[in-house]
Amino acid sequence: MASNGLPGWEASAQQWGKTMADSWQRALDSFKSIDLGQGATSQLSFAPDKMRELQTQYLKEATDLWNHGLTAPASIKDRRFSNDAWAQNPVAAFTAATYLLNSRTLMSLADAVQADEKTRARIRFAVEQWVAASAPSNFLAFNAEAQKKALETQGESISKGVQNLLHDVQQGHVSMTDESLFEVGRNVATTEGQVVFENDYFQLIEYKPLTAKVHERPFLLVPPCINKFYILDLQPENSFIRYAVSQGHRTFVVSWRNPDQSLANATWDDYIENAAIKAIEVTREIGGTDKINALGFCVGGTILSTALAVLAARGKKPVASTTLLTTLIDFTDTGVLDVFIDENFVRFREMQFAQGGLMAGRDMASTFSFLRPNDLVWNYVVGNYLKGETPPPFDLLYWNSDSTNLPGPFYAWYLRNTYLENRLIKPGSATVCGLPLDLGKVDMPIYIYGSREDHIVPIGGSYASTQVFPGKKRFMMGASGHIAGVINPPAAKKRSHWVRNDGKFPPKADDWIAGAKEVPGSWWEDWAAWLKGHAGKLVTAPKRYGNAHHKPIEAAPGRYVKAKA
């Protein structure tokens, strides 16, 4: 092959082929003895025909890449290398193309491993992390775009990148947005209301009515305690809380305390008895009704369901209807999070928190970010540090960075009884507040929502709740992921949702989806119409917050949500 005239480019096609063959063998050797996190390595095997197919494909693509040369680099369809600076630098473009070839092959090898499903998932996750971290775009020495910007700014971008790095080291996490532009209570979490109750675990916020009349049954929202509640109240135009208030519901929200050492020994039982059940009781007392309506989001839905099962075991049914948003009750299908869970991992956490302690919010936040490493980690490493950019303002990413701690004993109980042993769906298997749980006794109308592309609560996991609860159910599937699928106001006219009105709930989500109809736009209006049917008659909206026994304490959003981890 003739030289293309570029200095240093003297490797022959024969040497290139040997290099690629060696790369293939090294990749194969690394897979055959891989640490699966069990304290030992496991020898992995591959189907011979699949291996031949992958090797043939790899060498063919490597040959095509060589023959393409440096003079006319192929178009690269990957946003990490989409800037013109990559195409204008032949060596950088060739490096990116080689990286993409190797990363595709490594992921294919992970899929080809002959092992049980969980082992394959763990290998795939580990390979994905390595592939994402090793991208040439993550290093200034290889990032053509960052190099070009450094030249254009006469080094100012590098100086700014170092400042950004020092700032993020000091704050303890990678900046995903310009956090200085947001303040809880000023431009996020601004729906008007008052804190009407508080204890060591939560504050209860009551919101000011937006309608002259409200439904007689109050509406209580239980958000996840692993995040802050204002994901449901980011801005007025996308606030789920404000939407509920505008629909004529006397709305209350649990604002979880961000645990410090005073809650280092708090348990799952404490959160059920002193938070979820207490919130239901206070909401009912303020509303002056026998029953309320309730909603649980993500882990908040798991907590709410557990509380309802405890109340049912006590012969009490103070909730008329329940909504579960992206909630796991049956933990058979837990998606990518399953790669972390096994007996050794859970036992380690139980030993770690046997005498109490806190699961640090930053550790959990990092775990969730690395579920999507290119989007939520390396994208910001490159932008902030290599290119010296300040990420644009984005309320959702500000919320995502506002992490919360968890009490260690609470966290350890949750891991064993849900993700590891899936006890909640087995009548009598789990004991909470001294009572055996039976979700079959949680008999009420339930609206269950799942997001189609959710990587935290897979759609199959959300749908599985339809097989657990005995009451009348409505299942709704929305487009997008864990957050964007939920926070989808009608006025935005975005995305779609899928409905099925025949009342049938086959065992598998795919079978339900096969009989569902796609409807453009938000699912919120469907939910609002459903909740209205369980909310009771309209009465004059209250003029004051709380009641004689539960008087206003401070303005919403309250001080608990402002505490940092």
Protein backbone atom coordinates (compact mmCIF):
# COMPACT_ATOMS: atom_id res chain seq x y z
CA MET A 1 0.00 0.00 0.00
CA ALA A 2 1.41 3.35 -0.98
CA SER A 3 2.15 5.96 1.63
CA ASN A 4 -0.41 8.75 1.85
CA GLY A 5 2.36 11.25 2.43
CA LEU A 6 1.67 11.97 6.08
CA PRO A 7 4.78 11.91 8.33
CA GLY A 8 5.00 8.90 10.62
CA TRP A 9 2.41 6.88 8.71
CA GLU A 10 4.69 4.06 7.58
CA ALA A 11 3.01 0.92 8.95
CA SER A 12 2.34 -1.63 6.29
CA ALA A 13 -0.99 -3.32 5.69
CA GLN A 14 0.64 -6.54 6.87
CA GLN A 15 1.69 -4.97 10.17
CA TRP A 16 -1.76 -3.42 10.57
CA GLY A 17 -3.39 -6.80 10.09
CA LYS A 18 -1.07 -8.34 12.69
CA THR A 19 -1.86 -5.51 15.08
CA MET A 20 -5.60 -6.09 14.70
CA ALA A 21 -5.20 -9.85 15.11
CA ASP A 22 -3.21 -9.25 18.28
CA SER A 23 -5.92 -6.88 19.50
CA TRP A 24 -8.53 -9.55 18.94
CA GLN A 25 -6.51 -12.12 20.89
CA ARG A 26 -5.90 -9.73 23.78
CA ALA A 27 -9.60 -8.95 24.00
CA LEU A 28 -10.41 -12.64 23.97
CA ASP A 29 -7.83 -13.43 26.66
CA SER A 30 -9.15 -10.68 28.91
CA PHE A 31 -12.67 -12.08 28.63
CA LYS A 32 -11.59 -15.62 29.45
CA SER A 33 -10.44 -14.63 32.92
CA ILE A 34 -12.61 -11.84 34.18
CA ASP A 35 -13.32 -10.75 37.76
CA LEU A 36 -17.06 -11.03 38.32
CA GLY A 37 -16.97 -9.36 41.71
CA GLN A 38 -17.40 -12.61 43.62
CA GLY A 39 -13.91 -12.72 45.10
CA ALA A 40 -12.63 -15.02 42.35
CA THR A 41 -12.32 -15.17 38.62
CA SER A 42 -14.53 -17.28 36.43
CA GLN A 43 -13.38 -18.94 33.22
CA LEU A 44 -15.73 -17.86 30.47
CA SER A 45 -16.51 -19.65 27.25
CA PHE A 46 -17.97 -18.66 23.89
CA ALA A 47 -19.91 -20.55 21.24
CA PRO A 48 -17.33 -21.47 18.55
CA ASP A 49 -19.55 -20.46 15.63
CA LYS A 50 -20.31 -17.09 17.23
CA MET A 51 -16.62 -16.52 17.85
CA ARG A 52 -15.73 -17.26 14.22
CA GLU A 53 -18.45 -14.88 13.08
CA LEU A 54 -17.24 -12.09 15.36
CA GLN A 55 -13.59 -12.59 14.44
CA THR A 56 -14.37 -12.57 10.71
CA GLN A 57 -16.46 -9.44 11.05
CA TYR A 58 -13.81 -7.70 13.15
CA LEU A 59 -10.96 -8.41 10.75
CA LYS A 60 -13.10 -7.40 7.77
CA GLU A 61 -14.00 -4.05 9.35
CA ALA A 62 -10.39 -3.53 10.42
CA THR A 63 -9.21 -4.16 6.85
CA ASP A 64 -11.83 -1.75 5.49
CA LEU A 65 -10.69 0.86 7.99
CA TRP A 66 -7.05 0.41 6.94
CA ASN A 67 -7.87 0.59 3.26
CA HIS A 68 -9.77 3.80 3.88
CA GLY A 69 -6.54 5.31 5.18
CA LEU A 70 -6.03 8.75 6.62
CA THR A 71 -6.72 10.76 3.48
CA ALA A 72 -10.51 10.42 3.55
CA PRO A 73 -11.72 9.35 6.99
CA ALA A 74 -15.10 7.75 7.08
CA SER A 75 -18.11 9.61 8.43
CA ILE A 76 -18.44 8.82 12.15
CA LYS A 77 -21.98 8.71 13.50
CA ASP A 78 -21.25 9.26 17.18
CA ARG A 79 -21.94 12.58 18.84
CA ARG A 80 -18.67 12.41 20.81
CA PHE A 81 -16.82 12.74 17.49
CA SER A 82 -19.37 14.77 15.52
CA ASN A 83 -17.60 18.14 15.67
CA ASP A 84 -15.88 19.20 12.44
CA ALA A 85 -12.54 19.26 14.28
CA TRP A 86 -12.48 15.47 14.24
CA ALA A 87 -13.15 15.22 10.50
CA GLN A 88 -10.55 17.90 9.78
CA ASN A 89 -7.86 15.96 11.65
CA PRO A 90 -7.25 12.66 9.81
CA VAL A 91 -5.27 11.05 12.64
CA ALA A 92 -7.95 11.94 15.20
CA ALA A 93 -10.69 10.65 12.90
CA PHE A 94 -8.79 7.39 12.37
CA THR A 95 -8.26 7.04 16.13
CA ALA A 96 -11.98 7.56 16.75
CA ALA A 97 -12.97 5.05 14.08
CA THR A 98 -10.56 2.45 15.50
CA TYR A 99 -11.93 3.03 19.00
CA LEU A 100 -15.52 2.57 17.80
CA LEU A 101 -14.61 -0.65 16.00
CA ASN A 102 -12.94 -2.04 19.12
CA SER A 103 -15.75 -0.95 21.43
CA ARG A 104 -18.41 -2.54 19.18
CA THR A 105 -16.44 -5.76 19.14
CA LEU A 106 -15.94 -5.80 22.90
CA MET A 107 -19.67 -5.32 23.48
CA SER A 108 -20.42 -8.12 21.00
CA LEU A 109 -18.00 -10.37 22.87
CA ALA A 110 -19.82 -9.57 26.11
CA ASP A 111 -23.11 -10.60 24.51
CA ALA A 112 -21.53 -13.82 23.20
CA VAL A 113 -20.38 -15.13 26.57
CA GLN A 114 -21.91 -18.51 27.43
CA ALA A 115 -23.17 -17.89 30.95
CA ASP A 116 -26.32 -17.25 32.92
CA GLU A 117 -28.19 -14.04 32.26
CA LYS A 118 -26.95 -12.24 35.38
CA THR A 119 -23.30 -13.04 34.65
CA ARG A 120 -23.68 -11.77 31.08
CA ALA A 121 -25.34 -8.58 32.36
CA ARG A 122 -22.47 -7.99 34.78
CA ILE A 123 -19.87 -8.53 32.09
CA ARG A 124 -21.71 -6.23 29.71
CA PHE A 125 -21.97 -3.53 32.38
CA ALA A 126 -18.25 -3.79 33.23
CA VAL A 127 -17.25 -3.67 29.56
CA GLU A 128 -19.56 -0.71 28.94
CA GLN A 129 -17.88 1.22 31.77
CA TRP A 130 -14.40 0.46 30.42
CA VAL A 131 -15.37 1.30 26.85
CA ALA A 132 -16.97 4.60 27.90
CA ALA A 133 -13.98 5.60 30.04
CA SER A 134 -11.39 4.77 27.36
CA ALA A 135 -12.87 6.88 24.56
CA PRO A 136 -10.24 9.13 22.94
CA SER A 137 -12.61 12.06 23.40
CA ASN A 138 -11.99 11.84 27.17
CA PHE A 139 -8.30 12.76 26.84
CA LEU A 140 -6.88 16.12 25.80
CA ALA A 141 -4.03 14.38 23.95
CA PHE A 142 -6.54 12.76 21.57
CA ASN A 143 -9.53 15.14 21.58
CA ALA A 144 -9.26 17.13 18.37
CA GLU A 145 -12.16 19.41 19.31
CA ALA A 146 -10.63 20.35 22.69
CA GLN A 147 -7.22 20.91 21.07
CA LYS A 148 -8.74 23.19 18.44
CA LYS A 149 -10.56 25.19 21.11
CA ALA A 150 -7.36 25.55 23.15
CA LEU A 151 -5.59 27.00 20.11
CA GLU A 152 -8.47 29.33 19.26
CA THR A 153 -8.70 30.66 22.84
CA GLN A 154 -4.92 30.82 23.28
CA GLY A 155 -5.09 28.39 26.17
CA GLU A 156 -7.97 30.10 28.00
CA SER A 157 -10.20 27.01 27.65
CA ILE A 158 -7.56 24.90 29.40
CA SER A 159 -7.25 27.44 32.21
CA LYS A 160 -11.01 27.53 32.63
CA GLY A 161 -11.12 23.73 32.57
CA VAL A 162 -8.65 23.54 35.44
CA GLN A 163 -10.78 26.03 37.40
CA ASN A 164 -13.87 23.91 36.72
CA LEU A 165 -12.03 20.79 37.88
CA LEU A 166 -10.94 22.41 41.14
CA HIS A 167 -14.48 23.67 41.73
CA ASP A 168 -15.99 20.23 41.20
CA VAL A 169 -13.40 18.57 43.44
CA GLN A 170 -14.34 21.03 46.16
CA GLN A 171 -18.10 20.46 45.79
CA GLY A 172 -17.68 16.69 45.55
CA HIS A 173 -19.35 15.95 42.21
CA VAL A 174 -19.12 16.70 38.51
CA SER A 175 -21.22 19.74 37.57
CA MET A 176 -24.03 18.87 35.17
CA THR A 177 -25.47 22.38 35.12
CA ASP A 178 -24.64 25.85 36.43
CA GLU A 179 -25.88 25.23 39.96
CA SER A 180 -25.34 28.86 40.96
CA LEU A 181 -28.39 29.83 38.89
CA PHE A 182 -30.86 27.76 40.95
CA GLU A 183 -32.20 28.04 44.46
CA VAL A 184 -34.87 25.83 46.00
CA GLY A 185 -37.87 28.00 46.83
CA ARG A 186 -36.77 30.84 44.53
CA ASN A 187 -36.86 29.41 41.01
CA VAL A 188 -37.51 25.70 41.63
CA ALA A 189 -40.11 24.27 44.04
CA THR A 190 -42.14 27.49 43.94
CA THR A 191 -45.76 26.28 44.18
CA GLU A 192 -47.34 28.21 47.06
CA GLY A 193 -48.06 26.33 50.27
CA GLN A 194 -47.24 25.82 53.93
CA VAL A 195 -45.60 23.11 56.03
CA VAL A 196 -48.41 21.90 58.34
CA PHE A 197 -46.62 19.03 60.13
CA GLU A 198 -43.10 17.83 60.76
CA ASN A 199 -41.25 15.18 62.70
CA ASP A 200 -37.76 13.71 62.51
CA TYR A 201 -38.50 12.00 59.19
CA PHE A 202 -40.50 14.40 57.03
CA GLN A 203 -42.36 17.64 56.63
CA LEU A 204 -45.90 17.60 55.27
CA ILE A 205 -46.63 20.43 52.84
CA GLU A 206 -50.17 21.58 52.06
CA TYR A 207 -50.56 23.62 48.86
CA LYS A 208 -52.78 26.63 48.32
CA PRO A 209 -55.88 25.80 46.24
CA LEU A 210 -56.02 27.24 42.73
CA THR A 211 -59.76 26.62 42.32
CA ALA A 212 -62.80 27.94 44.18
CA LYS A 213 -63.92 24.40 44.95
CA VAL A 214 -61.89 21.30 45.72
CA HIS A 215 -62.69 17.60 45.88
CA GLU A 216 -63.59 16.48 49.37
CA ARG A 217 -60.93 13.77 49.53
CA PRO A 218 -57.41 15.18 50.02
CA PHE A 219 -54.60 13.98 47.79
CA LEU A 220 -51.24 12.90 49.27
CA LEU A 221 -48.04 12.46 47.24
CA VAL A 222 -45.19 10.28 48.56
CA PRO A 223 -42.02 10.93 46.49
CA PRO A 224 -38.87 8.79 46.66
CA CYS A 225 -36.68 9.38 49.72
CA ILE A 226 -33.54 8.81 47.65
CA ASN A 227 -34.22 12.14 45.88
CA LYS A 228 -35.88 15.42 46.80
CA PHE A 229 -39.58 15.94 46.18
CA TYR A 230 -39.25 18.97 43.92
CA ILE A 231 -38.74 16.83 40.83
CA LEU A 232 -42.54 17.03 40.98
CA ASP A 233 -42.39 20.84 41.23
CA LEU A 234 -39.51 22.11 39.11
CA GLN A 235 -41.15 25.01 37.25
CA PRO A 236 -44.81 26.13 37.13
CA GLU A 237 -45.19 24.93 33.53
CA ASN A 238 -43.96 21.37 34.27
CA SER A 239 -44.99 20.96 37.90
CA PHE A 240 -46.97 17.78 38.56
CA ILE A 241 -47.88 19.18 41.98
CA ARG A 242 -49.26 22.39 40.53
CA TYR A 243 -51.19 20.36 37.94
CA ALA A 244 -52.83 18.28 40.68
CA VAL A 245 -53.77 21.46 42.56
CA SER A 246 -55.19 22.99 39.38
CA GLN A 247 -57.42 19.92 38.96
CA GLY A 248 -59.19 20.80 42.20
CA HIS A 249 -57.37 18.48 44.60
CA ARG A 250 -56.45 19.58 48.12
CA THR A 251 -52.84 18.50 47.69
CA PHE A 252 -50.29 17.41 50.30
CA VAL A 253 -46.70 16.29 49.70
CA VAL A 254 -44.17 14.47 51.87
CA SER A 255 -40.86 16.35 51.96
CA TRP A 256 -38.30 13.89 53.31
CA ARG A 257 -35.64 14.98 55.73
CA ASN A 258 -32.11 14.65 54.38
CA PRO A 259 -30.76 12.25 57.04
CA ASP A 260 -27.83 13.20 59.28
CA GLN A 261 -26.28 11.22 62.12
CA SER A 262 -29.41 11.64 64.23
CA LEU A 263 -31.15 9.23 61.82
CA ALA A 264 -28.19 6.86 61.43
CA ASN A 265 -30.16 4.02 63.08
CA ALA A 266 -33.50 4.61 61.33
CA THR A 267 -35.07 1.49 59.83
CA TRP A 268 -37.56 0.63 57.11
CA ASP A 269 -40.15 0.18 59.88
CA ASP A 270 -39.46 3.72 61.10
CA TYR A 271 -40.10 5.17 57.65
CA ILE A 272 -43.33 3.20 57.29
CA GLU A 273 -44.74 3.96 60.74
CA ASN A 274 -43.41 7.45 61.40
CA ALA A 275 -43.51 8.79 57.85
CA ALA A 276 -45.86 7.11 55.36
CA ILE A 277 -48.56 6.05 57.82
CA LYS A 278 -48.19 9.29 59.80
CA ALA A 279 -48.53 11.36 56.60
CA ILE A 280 -51.73 9.49 55.70
CA GLU A 281 -53.10 10.06 59.21
CA VAL A 282 -52.31 13.80 59.31
CA THR A 283 -53.64 14.38 55.77
CA ARG A 284 -56.87 12.64 56.69
CA GLU A 285 -57.19 14.65 59.92
CA ILE A 286 -56.62 17.99 58.17
CA GLY A 287 -59.00 17.07 55.38
CA GLY A 288 -61.65 15.93 57.86
CA THR A 289 -62.39 12.79 55.85
CA ASP A 290 -62.30 9.06 56.51
CA LYS A 291 -60.37 8.38 53.32
CA ILE A 292 -57.83 10.14 51.14
CA ASN A 293 -56.27 9.45 47.73
CA ALA A 294 -52.52 8.76 47.56
CA LEU A 295 -49.71 8.60 45.04
CA GLY A 296 -46.26 7.04 45.32
CA PHE A 297 -43.38 7.71 42.93
CA CYS A 298 -40.51 5.20 42.52
CA VAL A 299 -39.27 4.14 45.99
CA GLY A 300 -42.04 6.34 47.38
CA GLY A 301 -44.48 3.94 45.73
CA THR A 302 -42.78 0.97 47.37
CA ILE A 303 -42.96 2.74 50.75
CA LEU A 304 -46.60 3.69 50.23
CA SER A 305 -47.59 0.16 49.20
CA THR A 306 -45.84 -1.28 52.25
CA ALA A 307 -47.65 1.21 54.49
CA LEU A 308 -51.00 0.26 52.96
CA ALA A 309 -50.25 -3.43 53.58
CA VAL A 310 -49.42 -2.69 57.24
CA LEU A 311 -52.63 -0.69 57.62
CA ALA A 312 -54.62 -3.50 55.99
CA ALA A 313 -53.09 -5.99 58.45
CA ARG A 314 -54.38 -3.70 61.23
CA GLY A 315 -57.85 -3.73 59.69
CA LYS A 316 -57.60 -0.12 58.48
CA LYS A 317 -58.23 1.20 54.96
CA PRO A 318 -57.85 5.00 55.06
CA VAL A 319 -56.89 5.30 51.35
CA ALA A 320 -59.60 5.24 48.69
CA SER A 321 -57.31 4.96 45.64
CA THR A 322 -53.62 4.76 44.90
CA THR A 323 -51.41 5.84 42.01
CA LEU A 324 -48.01 4.21 41.50
CA LEU A 325 -45.54 5.95 39.19
CA THR A 326 -42.51 3.95 37.95
CA THR A 327 -42.66 1.79 41.06
CA LEU A 328 -41.24 -1.65 41.77
CA ILE A 329 -43.35 -3.98 43.92
CA ASP A 330 -42.36 -7.23 42.23
CA PHE A 331 -38.55 -7.08 41.95
CA THR A 332 -38.19 -9.88 39.40
CA ASP A 333 -37.29 -7.43 36.61
CA THR A 334 -35.01 -4.74 38.02
CA GLY A 335 -33.06 -3.94 34.88
CA VAL A 336 -29.43 -2.87 34.99
CA LEU A 337 -29.44 -2.34 38.78
CA ASP A 338 -29.51 -6.11 39.17
CA VAL A 339 -25.80 -6.25 38.29
CA PHE A 340 -24.97 -4.86 41.73
CA ILE A 341 -27.13 -7.20 43.79
CA ASP A 342 -26.06 -10.55 45.18
CA GLU A 343 -25.78 -12.17 48.61
CA ASN A 344 -22.21 -10.95 49.16
CA PHE A 345 -23.04 -7.35 48.29
CA VAL A 346 -26.11 -7.26 50.53
CA ARG A 347 -24.31 -8.99 53.40
CA PHE A 348 -21.50 -6.45 53.11
CA ARG A 349 -23.99 -3.60 53.44
CA GLU A 350 -25.68 -5.29 56.40
CA MET A 351 -22.33 -5.63 58.16
CA GLN A 352 -21.39 -2.06 57.25
CA PHE A 353 -24.57 -0.67 58.83
CA ALA A 354 -25.04 -3.20 61.64
CA GLN A 355 -24.33 -0.45 64.18
CA GLY A 356 -26.01 2.29 62.14
CA GLY A 357 -24.56 4.82 59.75
CA LEU A 358 -25.46 6.70 56.59
CA MET A 359 -25.43 5.67 52.95
CA ALA A 360 -23.91 8.78 51.42
CA GLY A 361 -26.02 10.55 48.84
CA ARG A 362 -23.02 11.25 46.60
CA ASP A 363 -22.30 7.51 46.38
CA MET A 364 -25.83 6.70 45.27
CA ALA A 365 -25.81 9.62 42.83
CA SER A 366 -22.58 8.33 41.28
CA THR A 367 -24.05 4.85 40.91
CA PHE A 368 -27.08 6.16 39.04
CA SER A 369 -24.93 8.40 36.84
CA PHE A 370 -22.74 5.48 35.76
CA LEU A 371 -25.83 3.63 34.57
CA ARG A 372 -25.53 6.04 31.61
CA PRO A 373 -21.81 6.86 31.65
CA ASN A 374 -21.51 8.70 28.34
CA ASP A 375 -24.52 10.95 28.97
CA LEU A 376 -24.18 11.62 32.71
CA VAL A 377 -20.43 11.38 33.38
CA TRP A 378 -17.98 11.64 30.48
CA ASN A 379 -20.02 14.18 28.57
CA TYR A 380 -19.49 16.63 31.45
CA VAL A 381 -15.86 15.64 32.04
CA VAL A 382 -15.09 16.57 28.44
CA GLY A 383 -17.16 19.75 28.42
CA ASN A 384 -16.19 21.07 31.83
CA TYR A 385 -12.50 20.15 31.98
CA LEU A 386 -11.15 19.60 28.47
CA LYS A 387 -13.11 22.37 26.76
CA GLY A 388 -13.51 24.69 29.76
CA GLU A 389 -17.23 25.12 29.26
CA THR A 390 -19.86 25.98 31.83
CA PRO A 391 -22.79 23.58 31.42
CA PRO A 392 -26.05 25.36 30.52
CA PRO A 393 -28.79 25.89 33.14
CA PHE A 394 -31.15 22.93 33.41
CA ASP A 395 -33.51 22.56 36.36
CA LEU A 396 -33.78 18.78 36.11
CA LEU A 397 -29.99 18.32 36.23
CA TYR A 398 -29.78 20.72 39.19
CA TRP A 399 -32.26 18.47 41.00
CA ASN A 400 -30.28 15.40 39.92
CA SER A 401 -27.17 16.83 41.59
CA ASP A 402 -29.01 17.70 44.83
CA SER A 403 -28.41 14.33 46.45
CA THR A 404 -29.78 12.85 49.68
CA ASN A 405 -28.40 10.43 52.25
CA LEU A 406 -30.18 7.30 53.44
CA PRO A 407 -30.08 5.69 56.89
CA GLY A 408 -27.87 2.61 56.59
CA PRO A 409 -30.23 0.13 58.32
CA PHE A 410 -33.13 1.33 56.13
CA TYR A 411 -30.99 0.83 53.02
CA ALA A 412 -29.76 -2.63 54.03
CA TRP A 413 -33.32 -3.87 54.78
CA TYR A 414 -34.51 -2.55 51.45
CA LEU A 415 -31.73 -4.31 49.52
CA ARG A 416 -32.34 -7.73 51.07
CA ASN A 417 -36.13 -7.75 51.16
CA THR A 418 -36.73 -6.28 47.71
CA TYR A 419 -33.88 -6.55 45.19
CA LEU A 420 -32.30 -9.71 46.59
CA GLU A 421 -35.16 -11.83 47.96
CA ASN A 422 -38.26 -10.16 46.45
CA ARG A 423 -40.28 -10.72 49.61
CA LEU A 424 -42.97 -8.06 49.17
CA ILE A 425 -44.96 -10.16 46.71
CA LYS A 426 -44.80 -13.30 48.88
CA PRO A 427 -47.64 -13.17 51.43
CA GLY A 428 -46.28 -13.37 54.97
CA SER A 429 -42.62 -13.40 53.88
CA ALA A 430 -41.73 -9.85 54.92
CA THR A 431 -42.50 -8.49 58.37
CA VAL A 432 -42.90 -4.73 58.80
CA CYS A 433 -43.94 -2.94 61.99
CA GLY A 434 -44.33 -6.34 63.61
CA LEU A 435 -46.85 -7.58 61.05
CA PRO A 436 -46.54 -10.02 58.13
CA LEU A 437 -47.21 -8.26 54.82
CA ASP A 438 -49.83 -9.38 52.32
CA LEU A 439 -50.26 -7.00 49.40
CA GLY A 440 -53.23 -9.11 48.35
CA LYS A 441 -55.13 -7.28 51.10
CA VAL A 442 -54.41 -3.88 49.54
CA ASP A 443 -57.74 -3.93 47.73
CA MET A 444 -58.56 -0.58 46.14
CA PRO A 445 -58.55 1.06 42.70
CA ILE A 446 -54.95 1.54 41.53
CA TYR A 447 -53.52 3.54 38.63
CA ILE A 448 -50.13 2.13 37.61
CA TYR A 449 -47.77 4.05 35.32
CA GLY A 450 -44.54 2.81 33.68
CA SER A 451 -42.11 4.48 31.26
CA ARG A 452 -41.20 2.52 28.12
CA GLU A 453 -37.46 3.40 28.13
CA ASP A 454 -36.98 3.44 31.91
CA HIS A 455 -33.55 2.00 32.84
CA ILE A 456 -34.16 2.21 36.62
CA VAL A 457 -37.64 0.69 36.79
CA PRO A 458 -38.02 -1.27 33.53
CA ILE A 459 -41.45 -1.30 31.96
CA GLY A 460 -41.76 -5.00 32.82
CA GLY A 461 -41.09 -4.16 36.47
CA SER A 462 -43.72 -1.41 36.54
CA TYR A 463 -46.25 -3.61 34.79
CA ALA A 464 -45.66 -6.51 37.20
CA SER A 465 -47.65 -4.61 39.86
CA THR A 466 -50.81 -5.38 37.88
CA GLN A 467 -50.36 -9.02 38.88
CA VAL A 468 -49.99 -8.22 42.60
CA PHE A 469 -52.91 -6.02 43.63
CA PRO A 470 -56.44 -7.51 43.57
CA GLY A 471 -58.49 -4.34 43.07
CA LYS A 472 -59.61 -2.60 39.92
CA LYS A 473 -56.58 -1.40 37.98
CA ARG A 474 -55.61 0.87 35.13
CA PHE A 475 -52.17 0.57 33.58
CA MET A 476 -50.57 3.34 31.56
CA MET A 477 -47.33 3.26 29.59
CA GLY A 478 -45.63 6.51 28.63
CA ALA A 479 -42.74 7.20 26.28
CA SER A 480 -39.22 8.13 27.42
CA GLY A 481 -37.46 7.32 30.68
CA HIS A 482 -37.72 7.33 34.45
CA ILE A 483 -38.08 11.10 34.86
CA ALA A 484 -38.92 12.54 31.44
CA GLY A 485 -41.74 10.04 31.01
CA VAL A 486 -43.35 11.12 34.28
CA ILE A 487 -42.76 14.86 33.98
CA ASN A 488 -44.66 15.39 30.74
CA PRO A 489 -47.28 18.16 31.08
CA PRO A 490 -50.11 18.24 28.52
CA ALA A 491 -49.30 21.77 27.38
CA ALA A 492 -45.92 20.61 26.10
CA LYS A 493 -47.65 18.34 23.53
CA LYS A 494 -44.70 15.93 23.68
CA ARG A 495 -44.25 12.18 23.51
CA SER A 496 -46.99 9.57 23.51
CA HIS A 497 -48.73 7.18 25.88
CA TRP A 498 -50.33 3.79 25.39
CA VAL A 499 -53.76 2.80 26.69
CA ARG A 500 -55.83 -0.35 26.77
CA ASN A 501 -59.46 -0.23 27.83
CA ASP A 502 -60.47 -3.90 27.79
CA GLY A 503 -59.58 -4.44 31.45
CA LYS A 504 -57.22 -7.31 30.59
CA PHE A 505 -53.84 -7.67 32.27
CA PRO A 506 -51.93 -10.64 30.80
CA PRO A 507 -48.94 -11.88 32.81
CA LYS A 508 -46.30 -10.19 30.62
CA ALA A 509 -45.93 -6.52 29.74
CA ASP A 510 -45.21 -7.32 26.08
CA ASP A 511 -48.62 -9.01 25.78
CA TRP A 512 -50.34 -5.96 27.27
CA ILE A 513 -48.43 -3.64 24.91
CA ALA A 514 -49.43 -5.77 21.91
CA GLY A 515 -53.07 -4.95 22.60
CA ALA A 516 -52.55 -1.27 23.52
CA LYS A 517 -53.25 1.83 21.45
CA GLU A 518 -50.75 4.67 21.09
CA VAL A 519 -52.14 8.13 21.89
CA PRO A 520 -50.12 11.31 21.19
CA GLY A 521 -49.24 13.59 24.08
CA SER A 522 -49.18 13.39 27.86
CA TRP A 523 -50.84 10.74 30.03
CA TRP A 524 -51.63 13.32 32.75
CA GLU A 525 -55.12 14.08 31.48
CA ASP A 526 -56.07 10.40 31.48
CA TRP A 527 -54.83 10.12 35.06
CA ALA A 528 -56.66 13.29 36.11
CA ALA A 529 -59.94 11.93 34.76
CA TRP A 530 -59.35 8.65 36.61
CA LEU A 531 -58.51 10.35 39.92
CA LYS A 532 -61.54 12.63 39.66
CA GLY A 533 -63.73 9.52 39.81
CA HIS A 534 -62.30 8.66 43.23
CA ALA A 535 -62.00 12.15 44.71
CA GLY A 536 -65.57 12.70 45.94
CA LYS A 537 -67.82 15.69 45.57
CA LEU A 538 -66.70 19.29 45.22
CA VAL A 539 -66.69 21.48 48.32
CA THR A 540 -65.60 25.06 49.00
CA ALA A 541 -61.84 25.37 49.01
CA PRO A 542 -60.36 25.96 52.48
CA LYS A 543 -59.30 29.50 53.33
CA ARG A 544 -56.58 28.43 55.77
CA TYR A 545 -53.83 25.84 55.87
CA GLY A 546 -53.94 22.91 58.28
CA ASN A 547 -56.40 22.83 61.18
CA ALA A 548 -56.53 23.56 64.89
CA HIS A 549 -54.17 20.68 65.70
CA HIS A 550 -51.84 21.06 62.72
CA LYS A 551 -51.06 24.72 62.23
CA PRO A 552 -48.74 26.20 59.59
CA ILE A 553 -45.06 26.02 60.54
CA GLU A 554 -43.28 27.71 57.63
CA ALA A 555 -43.76 28.50 53.96
CA ALA A 556 -43.26 25.81 51.33
CA PRO A 557 -40.95 24.26 50.30
CA GLY A 558 -39.77 24.19 53.92
CA ARG A 559 -36.29 23.81 55.36
CA TYR A 560 -35.96 20.00 55.12
CA VAL A 561 -35.67 20.04 51.33
CA LYS A 562 -32.94 22.69 51.50
CA ALA A 563 -30.58 20.58 53.62
CA LYS A 564 -27.59 19.32 51.65
CA ALA A 565 -26.20 15.80 51.87
